[in-house]
Amino acid sequence: ADSLGFSGKDPRGSIAMKFPAQEKTTKLLDVQVNVGRTGILAPAAVL
């Protein structure tokens, strides 16, 4: 692995396999409030 050298700053003998994204940025468009059967208010973000 070491004998393979580098590509730029990256060692060629190993690689990082990244996972699919689980977080991203987006815009908050609105807030809706739902009323549950017991009368509890449950606000929800519209993105």
ModelCIF file with pLDDT and N, C-alpha, C, O atoms, coordinates in Angstrom:
data_MODEL
#
_entry.id   MODEL 
#
_entity.id                         1 
_entity.type                       polymer 
_entity.pdbx_number_of_molecules   1 
#
_entity_poly.entity_id                      1 
_entity_poly.type                           'polypeptide(L)' 
_entity_poly.nstd_linkage                   no 
_entity_poly.nstd_monomer                   no 
_entity_poly.pdbx_seq_one_letter_code       ADSLGFSGKDPRGSIAMKFPAQEKTTKLLDVQVNVGRTGILAPAAVL 
_entity_poly.pdbx_seq_one_letter_code_can   ADSLGFSGKDPRGSIAMKFPAQEKTTKLLDVQVNVGRTGILAPAAVL 
_entity_poly.pdbx_strand_id                 A 
#
loop_
_entity_poly_seq.entity_id 
_entity_poly_seq.num 
_entity_poly_seq.mon_id 
_entity_poly_seq.hetero 
1 1  ALA n 
1 2  ASP n 
1 3  SER n 
1 4  LEU n 
1 5  GLY n 
1 6  PHE n 
1 7  SER n 
1 8  GLY n 
1 9  LYS n 
1 10 ASP n 
1 11 PRO n 
1 12 ARG n 
1 13 GLY n 
1 14 SER n 
1 15 ILE n 
1 16 ALA n 
1 17 MET n 
1 18 LYS n 
1 19 PHE n 
1 20 PRO n 
1 21 ALA n 
1 22 GLN n 
1 23 GLU n 
1 24 LYS n 
1 25 THR n 
1 26 THR n 
1 27 LYS n 
1 28 LEU n 
1 29 LEU n 
1 30 ASP n 
1 31 VAL n 
1 32 GLN n 
1 33 VAL n 
1 34 ASN n 
1 35 VAL n 
1 36 GLY n 
1 37 ARG n 
1 38 THR n 
1 39 GLY n 
1 40 ILE n 
1 41 LEU n 
1 42 ALA n 
1 43 PRO n 
1 44 ALA n 
1 45 ALA n 
1 46 VAL n 
1 47 LEU n 
#
_struct_asym.id          A 
_struct_asym.entity_id   1 
#
loop_
_ma_qa_metric.id 
_ma_qa_metric.mode 
_ma_qa_metric.name 
_ma_qa_metric.software_group_id 
_ma_qa_metric.type 
1 global pLDDT . pLDDT 
2 local  pLDDT . pLDDT 
#
_ma_qa_metric_global.metric_id      1 
_ma_qa_metric_global.metric_value   83.89 
_ma_qa_metric_global.model_id       1 
_ma_qa_metric_global.ordinal_id     1 
#
loop_
_ma_qa_metric_local.label_asym_id 
_ma_qa_metric_local.label_comp_id 
_ma_qa_metric_local.label_seq_id 
_ma_qa_metric_local.metric_id 
_ma_qa_metric_local.metric_value 
_ma_qa_metric_local.model_id 
_ma_qa_metric_local.ordinal_id 
A ALA 1  2 96.00 1 1  
A ASP 2  2 95.00 1 2  
A SER 3  2 95.00 1 3  
A LEU 4  2 95.00 1 4  
A GLY 5  2 94.00 1 5  
A PHE 6  2 91.00 1 6  
A SER 7  2 87.00 1 7  
A GLY 8  2 80.00 1 8  
A LYS 9  2 82.00 1 9  
A ASP 10 2 89.00 1 10 
A PRO 11 2 94.00 1 11 
A ARG 12 2 96.00 1 12 
A GLY 13 2 96.00 1 13 
A SER 14 2 97.00 1 14 
A ILE 15 2 97.00 1 15 
A ALA 16 2 96.00 1 16 
A MET 17 2 96.00 1 17 
A LYS 18 2 93.00 1 18 
A PHE 19 2 90.00 1 19 
A PRO 20 2 83.00 1 20 
A ALA 21 2 72.00 1 21 
A GLN 22 2 71.00 1 22 
A GLU 23 2 73.00 1 23 
A LYS 24 2 77.00 1 24 
A THR 25 2 82.00 1 25 
A THR 26 2 86.00 1 26 
A LYS 27 2 87.00 1 27 
A LEU 28 2 86.00 1 28 
A LEU 29 2 86.00 1 29 
A ASP 30 2 87.00 1 30 
A VAL 31 2 85.00 1 31 
A GLN 32 2 83.00 1 32 
A VAL 33 2 81.00 1 33 
A ASN 34 2 75.00 1 34 
A VAL 35 2 73.00 1 35 
A GLY 36 2 64.00 1 36 
A ARG 37 2 63.00 1 37 
A THR 38 2 68.00 1 38 
A GLY 39 2 69.00 1 39 
A ILE 40 2 71.00 1 40 
A LEU 41 2 72.00 1 41 
A ALA 42 2 73.00 1 42 
A PRO 43 2 79.00 1 43 
A ALA 44 2 81.00 1 44 
A ALA 45 2 84.00 1 45 
A VAL 46 2 86.00 1 46 
A LEU 47 2 87.00 1 47 
#
loop_
_atom_site.group_PDB 
_atom_site.id 
_atom_site.type_symbol 
_atom_site.label_atom_id 
_atom_site.label_alt_id 
_atom_site.label_comp_id 
_atom_site.label_asym_id 
_atom_site.label_entity_id 
_atom_site.label_seq_id 
_atom_site.pdbx_PDB_ins_code 
_atom_site.Cartn_x 
_atom_site.Cartn_y 
_atom_site.Cartn_z 
_atom_site.occupancy 
_atom_site.B_iso_or_equiv 
_atom_site.pdbx_formal_charge 
_atom_site.auth_seq_id 
_atom_site.auth_comp_id 
_atom_site.auth_asym_id 
_atom_site.auth_atom_id 
_atom_site.pdbx_PDB_model_num 
ATOM 1   N N  . ALA A 1 1  ? 0.830   -1.203 0.000  1.00 96.00 ? 1  ALA A N  1 
ATOM 2   C CA . ALA A 1 1  ? 0.000   0.000  0.000  1.00 96.00 ? 1  ALA A CA 1 
ATOM 3   C C  . ALA A 1 1  ? 0.866   1.255  0.000  1.00 96.00 ? 1  ALA A C  1 
ATOM 4   O O  . ALA A 1 1  ? 0.585   2.202  -0.735 1.00 96.00 ? 1  ALA A O  1 
ATOM 5   N N  . ASP A 1 2  ? 1.912   1.269  0.815  1.00 95.00 ? 2  ASP A N  1 
ATOM 6   C CA . ASP A 1 2  ? 2.792   2.444  0.889  1.00 95.00 ? 2  ASP A CA 1 
ATOM 7   C C  . ASP A 1 2  ? 3.539   2.666  -0.421 1.00 95.00 ? 2  ASP A C  1 
ATOM 8   O O  . ASP A 1 2  ? 3.822   3.804  -0.795 1.00 95.00 ? 2  ASP A O  1 
ATOM 9   N N  . SER A 1 3  ? 3.856   1.578  -1.115 1.00 95.00 ? 3  SER A N  1 
ATOM 10  C CA . SER A 1 3  ? 4.610   1.700  -2.366 1.00 95.00 ? 3  SER A CA 1 
ATOM 11  C C  . SER A 1 3  ? 3.791   2.355  -3.478 1.00 95.00 ? 3  SER A C  1 
ATOM 12  O O  . SER A 1 3  ? 4.355   2.802  -4.477 1.00 95.00 ? 3  SER A O  1 
ATOM 13  N N  . LEU A 1 4  ? 2.469   2.418  -3.316 1.00 95.00 ? 4  LEU A N  1 
ATOM 14  C CA . LEU A 1 4  ? 1.612   3.016  -4.337 1.00 95.00 ? 4  LEU A CA 1 
ATOM 15  C C  . LEU A 1 4  ? 1.696   4.536  -4.328 1.00 95.00 ? 4  LEU A C  1 
ATOM 16  O O  . LEU A 1 4  ? 1.271   5.185  -5.284 1.00 95.00 ? 4  LEU A O  1 
ATOM 17  N N  . GLY A 1 5  ? 2.239   5.107  -3.262 1.00 94.00 ? 5  GLY A N  1 
ATOM 18  C CA . GLY A 1 5  ? 2.430   6.550  -3.211 1.00 94.00 ? 5  GLY A CA 1 
ATOM 19  C C  . GLY A 1 5  ? 1.138   7.309  -2.997 1.00 94.00 ? 5  GLY A C  1 
ATOM 20  O O  . GLY A 1 5  ? 0.207   6.823  -2.355 1.00 94.00 ? 5  GLY A O  1 
ATOM 21  N N  . PHE A 1 6  ? 1.098   8.523  -3.554 1.00 91.00 ? 6  PHE A N  1 
ATOM 22  C CA . PHE A 1 6  ? -0.003  9.439  -3.280 1.00 91.00 ? 6  PHE A CA 1 
ATOM 23  C C  . PHE A 1 6  ? -0.563  9.995  -4.580 1.00 91.00 ? 6  PHE A C  1 
ATOM 24  O O  . PHE A 1 6  ? 0.119   10.061 -5.603 1.00 91.00 ? 6  PHE A O  1 
ATOM 25  N N  . SER A 1 7  ? -1.827  10.392 -4.504 1.00 87.00 ? 7  SER A N  1 
ATOM 26  C CA . SER A 1 7  ? -2.459  11.180 -5.555 1.00 87.00 ? 7  SER A CA 1 
ATOM 27  C C  . SER A 1 7  ? -2.812  12.516 -4.916 1.00 87.00 ? 7  SER A C  1 
ATOM 28  O O  . SER A 1 7  ? -3.794  12.609 -4.180 1.00 87.00 ? 7  SER A O  1 
ATOM 29  N N  . GLY A 1 8  ? -2.018  13.553 -5.191 1.00 80.00 ? 8  GLY A N  1 
ATOM 30  C CA . GLY A 1 8  ? -2.172  14.800 -4.448 1.00 80.00 ? 8  GLY A CA 1 
ATOM 31  C C  . GLY A 1 8  ? -1.766  14.566 -3.005 1.00 80.00 ? 8  GLY A C  1 
ATOM 32  O O  . GLY A 1 8  ? -0.629  14.177 -2.737 1.00 80.00 ? 8  GLY A O  1 
ATOM 33  N N  . LYS A 1 9  ? -2.682  14.799 -2.069 1.00 82.00 ? 9  LYS A N  1 
ATOM 34  C CA . LYS A 1 9  ? -2.412  14.559 -0.649 1.00 82.00 ? 9  LYS A CA 1 
ATOM 35  C C  . LYS A 1 9  ? -2.964  13.219 -0.184 1.00 82.00 ? 9  LYS A C  1 
ATOM 36  O O  . LYS A 1 9  ? -2.828  12.877 0.991  1.00 82.00 ? 9  LYS A O  1 
ATOM 37  N N  . ASP A 1 10 ? -3.587  12.445 -1.085 1.00 89.00 ? 10 ASP A N  1 
ATOM 38  C CA . ASP A 1 10 ? -4.312  11.238 -0.681 1.00 89.00 ? 10 ASP A CA 1 
ATOM 39  C C  . ASP A 1 10 ? -3.479  9.977  -0.921 1.00 89.00 ? 10 ASP A C  1 
ATOM 40  O O  . ASP A 1 10 ? -3.048  9.738  -2.048 1.00 89.00 ? 10 ASP A O  1 
ATOM 41  N N  . PRO A 1 11 ? -3.243  9.162  0.121  1.00 94.00 ? 11 PRO A N  1 
ATOM 42  C CA . PRO A 1 11 ? -2.571  7.879  -0.087 1.00 94.00 ? 11 PRO A CA 1 
ATOM 43  C C  . PRO A 1 11 ? -3.409  6.991  -1.015 1.00 94.00 ? 11 PRO A C  1 
ATOM 44  O O  . PRO A 1 11 ? -4.623  6.875  -0.848 1.00 94.00 ? 11 PRO A O  1 
ATOM 45  N N  . ARG A 1 12 ? -2.746  6.371  -1.990 1.00 96.00 ? 12 ARG A N  1 
ATOM 46  C CA . ARG A 1 12 ? -3.490  5.529  -2.931 1.00 96.00 ? 12 ARG A CA 1 
ATOM 47  C C  . ARG A 1 12 ? -3.886  4.182  -2.321 1.00 96.00 ? 12 ARG A C  1 
ATOM 48  O O  . ARG A 1 12 ? -4.801  3.524  -2.816 1.00 96.00 ? 12 ARG A O  1 
ATOM 49  N N  . GLY A 1 13 ? -3.206  3.772  -1.258 1.00 96.00 ? 13 GLY A N  1 
ATOM 50  C CA . GLY A 1 13 ? -3.430  2.437  -0.716 1.00 96.00 ? 13 GLY A CA 1 
ATOM 51  C C  . GLY A 1 13 ? -4.646  2.280  0.163  1.00 96.00 ? 13 GLY A C  1 
ATOM 52  O O  . GLY A 1 13 ? -4.890  1.193  0.686  1.00 96.00 ? 13 GLY A O  1 
ATOM 53  N N  . SER A 1 14 ? -5.422  3.342  0.340  1.00 97.00 ? 14 SER A N  1 
ATOM 54  C CA . SER A 1 14 ? -6.652  3.259  1.126  1.00 97.00 ? 14 SER A CA 1 
ATOM 55  C C  . SER A 1 14 ? -7.639  4.296  0.614  1.00 97.00 ? 14 SER A C  1 
ATOM 56  O O  . SER A 1 14 ? -7.268  5.240  -0.084 1.00 97.00 ? 14 SER A O  1 
ATOM 57  N N  . ILE A 1 15 ? -8.905  4.103  0.976  1.00 97.00 ? 15 ILE A N  1 
ATOM 58  C CA . ILE A 1 15 ? -9.943  5.024  0.518  1.00 97.00 ? 15 ILE A CA 1 
ATOM 59  C C  . ILE A 1 15 ? -11.069 5.041  1.534  1.00 97.00 ? 15 ILE A C  1 
ATOM 60  O O  . ILE A 1 15 ? -11.337 4.039  2.198  1.00 97.00 ? 15 ILE A O  1 
ATOM 61  N N  . ALA A 1 16 ? -11.731 6.194  1.652  1.00 96.00 ? 16 ALA A N  1 
ATOM 62  C CA . ALA A 1 16 ? -12.870 6.328  2.563  1.00 96.00 ? 16 ALA A CA 1 
ATOM 63  C C  . ALA A 1 16 ? -14.162 6.195  1.764  1.00 96.00 ? 16 ALA A C  1 
ATOM 64  O O  . ALA A 1 16 ? -14.396 6.952  0.822  1.00 96.00 ? 16 ALA A O  1 
ATOM 65  N N  . MET A 1 17 ? -14.999 5.234  2.141  1.00 96.00 ? 17 MET A N  1 
ATOM 66  C CA . MET A 1 17 ? -16.309 5.074  1.509  1.00 96.00 ? 17 MET A CA 1 
ATOM 67  C C  . MET A 1 17 ? -17.345 5.783  2.381  1.00 96.00 ? 17 MET A C  1 
ATOM 68  O O  . MET A 1 17 ? -17.699 5.311  3.462  1.00 96.00 ? 17 MET A O  1 
ATOM 69  N N  . LYS A 1 18 ? -17.819 6.921  1.890  1.00 93.00 ? 18 LYS A N  1 
ATOM 70  C CA . LYS A 1 18 ? -18.756 7.725  2.661  1.00 93.00 ? 18 LYS A CA 1 
ATOM 71  C C  . LYS A 1 18 ? -20.167 7.151  2.551  1.00 93.00 ? 18 LYS A C  1 
ATOM 72  O O  . LYS A 1 18 ? -20.543 6.586  1.523  1.00 93.00 ? 18 LYS A O  1 
ATOM 73  N N  . PHE A 1 19 ? -20.937 7.303  3.620  1.00 90.00 ? 19 PHE A N  1 
ATOM 74  C CA . PHE A 1 19 ? -22.323 6.855  3.629  1.00 90.00 ? 19 PHE A CA 1 
ATOM 75  C C  . PHE A 1 19 ? -23.220 7.889  2.948  1.00 90.00 ? 19 PHE A C  1 
ATOM 76  O O  . PHE A 1 19 ? -22.855 9.060  2.851  1.00 90.00 ? 19 PHE A O  1 
ATOM 77  N N  . PRO A 1 20 ? -24.397 7.457  2.475  1.00 83.00 ? 20 PRO A N  1 
ATOM 78  C CA . PRO A 1 20 ? -25.361 8.443  1.959  1.00 83.00 ? 20 PRO A CA 1 
ATOM 79  C C  . PRO A 1 20 ? -25.675 9.476  3.033  1.00 83.00 ? 20 PRO A C  1 
ATOM 80  O O  . PRO A 1 20 ? -25.711 9.163  4.223  1.00 83.00 ? 20 PRO A O  1 
ATOM 81  N N  . ALA A 1 21 ? -25.903 10.711 2.595  1.00 72.00 ? 21 ALA A N  1 
ATOM 82  C CA . ALA A 1 21 ? -26.117 11.805 3.535  1.00 72.00 ? 21 ALA A CA 1 
ATOM 83  C C  . ALA A 1 21 ? -27.322 11.554 4.423  1.00 72.00 ? 21 ALA A C  1 
ATOM 84  O O  . ALA A 1 21 ? -28.350 11.055 3.964  1.00 72.00 ? 21 ALA A O  1 
ATOM 85  N N  . GLN A 1 22 ? -27.192 11.905 5.704  1.00 71.00 ? 22 GLN A N  1 
ATOM 86  C CA . GLN A 1 22 ? -28.320 11.845 6.629  1.00 71.00 ? 22 GLN A CA 1 
ATOM 87  C C  . GLN A 1 22 ? -28.680 13.230 7.147  1.00 71.00 ? 22 GLN A C  1 
ATOM 88  O O  . GLN A 1 22 ? -29.582 13.375 7.972  1.00 71.00 ? 22 GLN A O  1 
ATOM 89  N N  . GLU A 1 23 ? -27.974 14.244 6.663  1.00 73.00 ? 23 GLU A N  1 
ATOM 90  C CA . GLU A 1 23 ? -28.356 15.596 7.049  1.00 73.00 ? 23 GLU A CA 1 
ATOM 91  C C  . GLU A 1 23 ? -28.057 16.552 5.911  1.00 73.00 ? 23 GLU A C  1 
ATOM 92  O O  . GLU A 1 23 ? -27.048 16.426 5.218  1.00 73.00 ? 23 GLU A O  1 
ATOM 93  N N  . LYS A 1 24 ? -28.951 17.507 5.734  1.00 77.00 ? 24 LYS A N  1 
ATOM 94  C CA . LYS A 1 24 ? -28.785 18.542 4.722  1.00 77.00 ? 24 LYS A CA 1 
ATOM 95  C C  . LYS A 1 24 ? -29.456 19.816 5.210  1.00 77.00 ? 24 LYS A C  1 
ATOM 96  O O  . LYS A 1 24 ? -30.272 19.791 6.131  1.00 77.00 ? 24 LYS A O  1 
ATOM 97  N N  . THR A 1 25 ? -29.106 20.914 4.589  1.00 82.00 ? 25 THR A N  1 
ATOM 98  C CA . THR A 1 25 ? -29.766 22.176 4.908  1.00 82.00 ? 25 THR A CA 1 
ATOM 99  C C  . THR A 1 25 ? -30.917 22.406 3.943  1.00 82.00 ? 25 THR A C  1 
ATOM 100 O O  . THR A 1 25 ? -30.861 22.011 2.779  1.00 82.00 ? 25 THR A O  1 
ATOM 101 N N  . THR A 1 26 ? -31.957 23.051 4.447  1.00 86.00 ? 26 THR A N  1 
ATOM 102 C CA . THR A 1 26 ? -33.103 23.405 3.618  1.00 86.00 ? 26 THR A CA 1 
ATOM 103 C C  . THR A 1 26 ? -33.767 24.632 4.230  1.00 86.00 ? 26 THR A C  1 
ATOM 104 O O  . THR A 1 26 ? -33.267 25.177 5.213  1.00 86.00 ? 26 THR A O  1 
ATOM 105 N N  . LYS A 1 27 ? -34.878 25.069 3.667  1.00 87.00 ? 27 LYS A N  1 
ATOM 106 C CA . LYS A 1 27 ? -35.534 26.296 4.138  1.00 87.00 ? 27 LYS A CA 1 
ATOM 107 C C  . LYS A 1 27 ? -36.839 25.963 4.850  1.00 87.00 ? 27 LYS A C  1 
ATOM 108 O O  . LYS A 1 27 ? -37.594 25.098 4.407  1.00 87.00 ? 27 LYS A O  1 
ATOM 109 N N  . LEU A 1 28 ? -37.099 26.660 5.965  1.00 86.00 ? 28 LEU A N  1 
ATOM 110 C CA . LEU A 1 28 ? -38.360 26.523 6.696  1.00 86.00 ? 28 LEU A CA 1 
ATOM 111 C C  . LEU A 1 28 ? -39.391 27.421 6.019  1.00 86.00 ? 28 LEU A C  1 
ATOM 112 O O  . LEU A 1 28 ? -39.279 28.646 6.058  1.00 86.00 ? 28 LEU A O  1 
ATOM 113 N N  . LEU A 1 29 ? -40.398 26.802 5.397  1.00 86.00 ? 29 LEU A N  1 
ATOM 114 C CA . LEU A 1 29 ? -41.391 27.551 4.623  1.00 86.00 ? 29 LEU A CA 1 
ATOM 115 C C  . LEU A 1 29 ? -42.575 28.000 5.461  1.00 86.00 ? 29 LEU A C  1 
ATOM 116 O O  . LEU A 1 29 ? -43.111 29.088 5.250  1.00 86.00 ? 29 LEU A O  1 
ATOM 117 N N  . ASP A 1 30 ? -42.993 27.158 6.424  1.00 87.00 ? 30 ASP A N  1 
ATOM 118 C CA . ASP A 1 30 ? -44.204 27.461 7.189  1.00 87.00 ? 30 ASP A CA 1 
ATOM 119 C C  . ASP A 1 30 ? -44.243 26.577 8.428  1.00 87.00 ? 30 ASP A C  1 
ATOM 120 O O  . ASP A 1 30 ? -43.472 25.625 8.550  1.00 87.00 ? 30 ASP A O  1 
ATOM 121 N N  . VAL A 1 31 ? -45.148 26.901 9.343  1.00 85.00 ? 31 VAL A N  1 
ATOM 122 C CA . VAL A 1 31 ? -45.399 26.069 10.512 1.00 85.00 ? 31 VAL A CA 1 
ATOM 123 C C  . VAL A 1 31 ? -46.897 25.791 10.589 1.00 85.00 ? 31 VAL A C  1 
ATOM 124 O O  . VAL A 1 31 ? -47.708 26.717 10.579 1.00 85.00 ? 31 VAL A O  1 
ATOM 125 N N  . GLN A 1 32 ? -47.256 24.528 10.665 1.00 83.00 ? 32 GLN A N  1 
ATOM 126 C CA . GLN A 1 32 ? -48.649 24.128 10.795 1.00 83.00 ? 32 GLN A CA 1 
ATOM 127 C C  . GLN A 1 32 ? -48.862 23.506 12.168 1.00 83.00 ? 32 GLN A C  1 
ATOM 128 O O  . GLN A 1 32 ? -47.988 22.801 12.672 1.00 83.00 ? 32 GLN A O  1 
ATOM 129 N N  . VAL A 1 33 ? -50.007 23.758 12.771 1.00 81.00 ? 33 VAL A N  1 
ATOM 130 C CA . VAL A 1 33 ? -50.322 23.227 14.084 1.00 81.00 ? 33 VAL A CA 1 
ATOM 131 C C  . VAL A 1 33 ? -51.492 22.256 13.968 1.00 81.00 ? 33 VAL A C  1 
ATOM 132 O O  . VAL A 1 33 ? -52.582 22.617 13.525 1.00 81.00 ? 33 VAL A O  1 
ATOM 133 N N  . ASN A 1 34 ? -51.236 21.024 14.375 1.00 75.00 ? 34 ASN A N  1 
ATOM 134 C CA . ASN A 1 34 ? -52.276 19.990 14.364 1.00 75.00 ? 34 ASN A CA 1 
ATOM 135 C C  . ASN A 1 34 ? -52.797 19.780 15.780 1.00 75.00 ? 34 ASN A C  1 
ATOM 136 O O  . ASN A 1 34 ? -52.037 19.824 16.747 1.00 75.00 ? 34 ASN A O  1 
ATOM 137 N N  . VAL A 1 35 ? -54.113 19.550 15.889 1.00 73.00 ? 35 VAL A N  1 
ATOM 138 C CA . VAL A 1 35 ? -54.728 19.312 17.186 1.00 73.00 ? 35 VAL A CA 1 
ATOM 139 C C  . VAL A 1 35 ? -55.020 17.824 17.328 1.00 73.00 ? 35 VAL A C  1 
ATOM 140 O O  . VAL A 1 35 ? -55.776 17.259 16.538 1.00 73.00 ? 35 VAL A O  1 
ATOM 141 N N  . GLY A 1 36 ? -54.420 17.186 18.334 1.00 64.00 ? 36 GLY A N  1 
ATOM 142 C CA . GLY A 1 36 ? -54.631 15.764 18.560 1.00 64.00 ? 36 GLY A CA 1 
ATOM 143 C C  . GLY A 1 36 ? -55.978 15.483 19.192 1.00 64.00 ? 36 GLY A C  1 
ATOM 144 O O  . GLY A 1 36 ? -56.700 16.408 19.562 1.00 64.00 ? 36 GLY A O  1 
ATOM 145 N N  . ARG A 1 37 ? -56.324 14.198 19.317 1.00 63.00 ? 37 ARG A N  1 
ATOM 146 C CA . ARG A 1 37 ? -57.621 13.806 19.868 1.00 63.00 ? 37 ARG A CA 1 
ATOM 147 C C  . ARG A 1 37 ? -57.791 14.262 21.312 1.00 63.00 ? 37 ARG A C  1 
ATOM 148 O O  . ARG A 1 37 ? -58.911 14.494 21.766 1.00 63.00 ? 37 ARG A O  1 
ATOM 149 N N  . THR A 1 38 ? -56.690 14.387 22.026 1.00 68.00 ? 38 THR A N  1 
ATOM 150 C CA . THR A 1 38 ? -56.761 14.813 23.426 1.00 68.00 ? 38 THR A CA 1 
ATOM 151 C C  . THR A 1 38 ? -56.624 16.325 23.575 1.00 68.00 ? 38 THR A C  1 
ATOM 152 O O  . THR A 1 38 ? -56.566 16.840 24.691 1.00 68.00 ? 38 THR A O  1 
ATOM 153 N N  . GLY A 1 39 ? -56.572 17.034 22.446 1.00 69.00 ? 39 GLY A N  1 
ATOM 154 C CA . GLY A 1 39 ? -56.474 18.480 22.491 1.00 69.00 ? 39 GLY A CA 1 
ATOM 155 C C  . GLY A 1 39 ? -55.059 19.009 22.521 1.00 69.00 ? 39 GLY A C  1 
ATOM 156 O O  . GLY A 1 39 ? -54.856 20.221 22.592 1.00 69.00 ? 39 GLY A O  1 
ATOM 157 N N  . ILE A 1 40 ? -54.064 18.117 22.469 1.00 71.00 ? 40 ILE A N  1 
ATOM 158 C CA . ILE A 1 40 ? -52.666 18.551 22.484 1.00 71.00 ? 40 ILE A CA 1 
ATOM 159 C C  . ILE A 1 40 ? -52.313 19.175 21.131 1.00 71.00 ? 40 ILE A C  1 
ATOM 160 O O  . ILE A 1 40 ? -52.639 18.625 20.078 1.00 71.00 ? 40 ILE A O  1 
ATOM 161 N N  . LEU A 1 41 ? -51.644 20.328 21.176 1.00 72.00 ? 41 LEU A N  1 
ATOM 162 C CA . LEU A 1 41 ? -51.209 20.994 19.954 1.00 72.00 ? 41 LEU A CA 1 
ATOM 163 C C  . LEU A 1 41 ? -49.852 20.452 19.533 1.00 72.00 ? 41 LEU A C  1 
ATOM 164 O O  . LEU A 1 41 ? -48.927 20.375 20.341 1.00 72.00 ? 41 LEU A O  1 
ATOM 165 N N  . ALA A 1 42 ? -49.740 20.076 18.262 1.00 73.00 ? 42 ALA A N  1 
ATOM 166 C CA . ALA A 1 42 ? -48.490 19.501 17.742 1.00 73.00 ? 42 ALA A CA 1 
ATOM 167 C C  . ALA A 1 42 ? -48.027 20.325 16.541 1.00 73.00 ? 42 ALA A C  1 
ATOM 168 O O  . ALA A 1 42 ? -48.500 20.101 15.426 1.00 73.00 ? 42 ALA A O  1 
ATOM 169 N N  . PRO A 1 43 ? -47.113 21.271 16.748 1.00 79.00 ? 43 PRO A N  1 
ATOM 170 C CA . PRO A 1 43 ? -46.622 22.067 15.616 1.00 79.00 ? 43 PRO A CA 1 
ATOM 171 C C  . PRO A 1 43 ? -45.696 21.239 14.723 1.00 79.00 ? 43 PRO A C  1 
ATOM 172 O O  . PRO A 1 43 ? -44.934 20.402 15.207 1.00 79.00 ? 43 PRO A O  1 
ATOM 173 N N  . ALA A 1 44 ? -45.774 21.483 13.422 1.00 81.00 ? 44 ALA A N  1 
ATOM 174 C CA . ALA A 1 44 ? -44.926 20.774 12.460 1.00 81.00 ? 44 ALA A CA 1 
ATOM 175 C C  . ALA A 1 44 ? -44.360 21.771 11.463 1.00 81.00 ? 44 ALA A C  1 
ATOM 176 O O  . ALA A 1 44 ? -45.042 22.703 11.037 1.00 81.00 ? 44 ALA A O  1 
ATOM 177 N N  . ALA A 1 45 ? -43.108 21.558 11.100 1.00 84.00 ? 45 ALA A N  1 
ATOM 178 C CA . ALA A 1 45 ? -42.440 22.436 10.149 1.00 84.00 ? 45 ALA A CA 1 
ATOM 179 C C  . ALA A 1 45 ? -42.746 21.983 8.727  1.00 84.00 ? 45 ALA A C  1 
ATOM 180 O O  . ALA A 1 45 ? -42.713 20.791 8.422  1.00 84.00 ? 45 ALA A O  1 
ATOM 181 N N  . VAL A 1 46 ? -43.039 22.934 7.874  1.00 86.00 ? 46 VAL A N  1 
ATOM 182 C CA . VAL A 1 46 ? -43.171 22.679 6.433  1.00 86.00 ? 46 VAL A CA 1 
ATOM 183 C C  . VAL A 1 46 ? -41.863 23.131 5.795  1.00 86.00 ? 46 VAL A C  1 
ATOM 184 O O  . VAL A 1 46 ? -41.504 24.306 5.861  1.00 86.00 ? 46 VAL A O  1 
ATOM 185 N N  . LEU A 1 47 ? -41.154 22.188 5.177  1.00 87.00 ? 47 LEU A N  1 
ATOM 186 C CA . LEU A 1 47 ? -39.819 22.451 4.662  1.00 87.00 ? 47 LEU A CA 1 
ATOM 187 C C  . LEU A 1 47 ? -39.791 22.475 3.141  1.00 87.00 ? 47 LEU A C  1 
ATOM 188 O O  . LEU A 1 47 ? -38.734 22.686 2.546  1.00 87.00 ? 47 LEU A O  1 
#
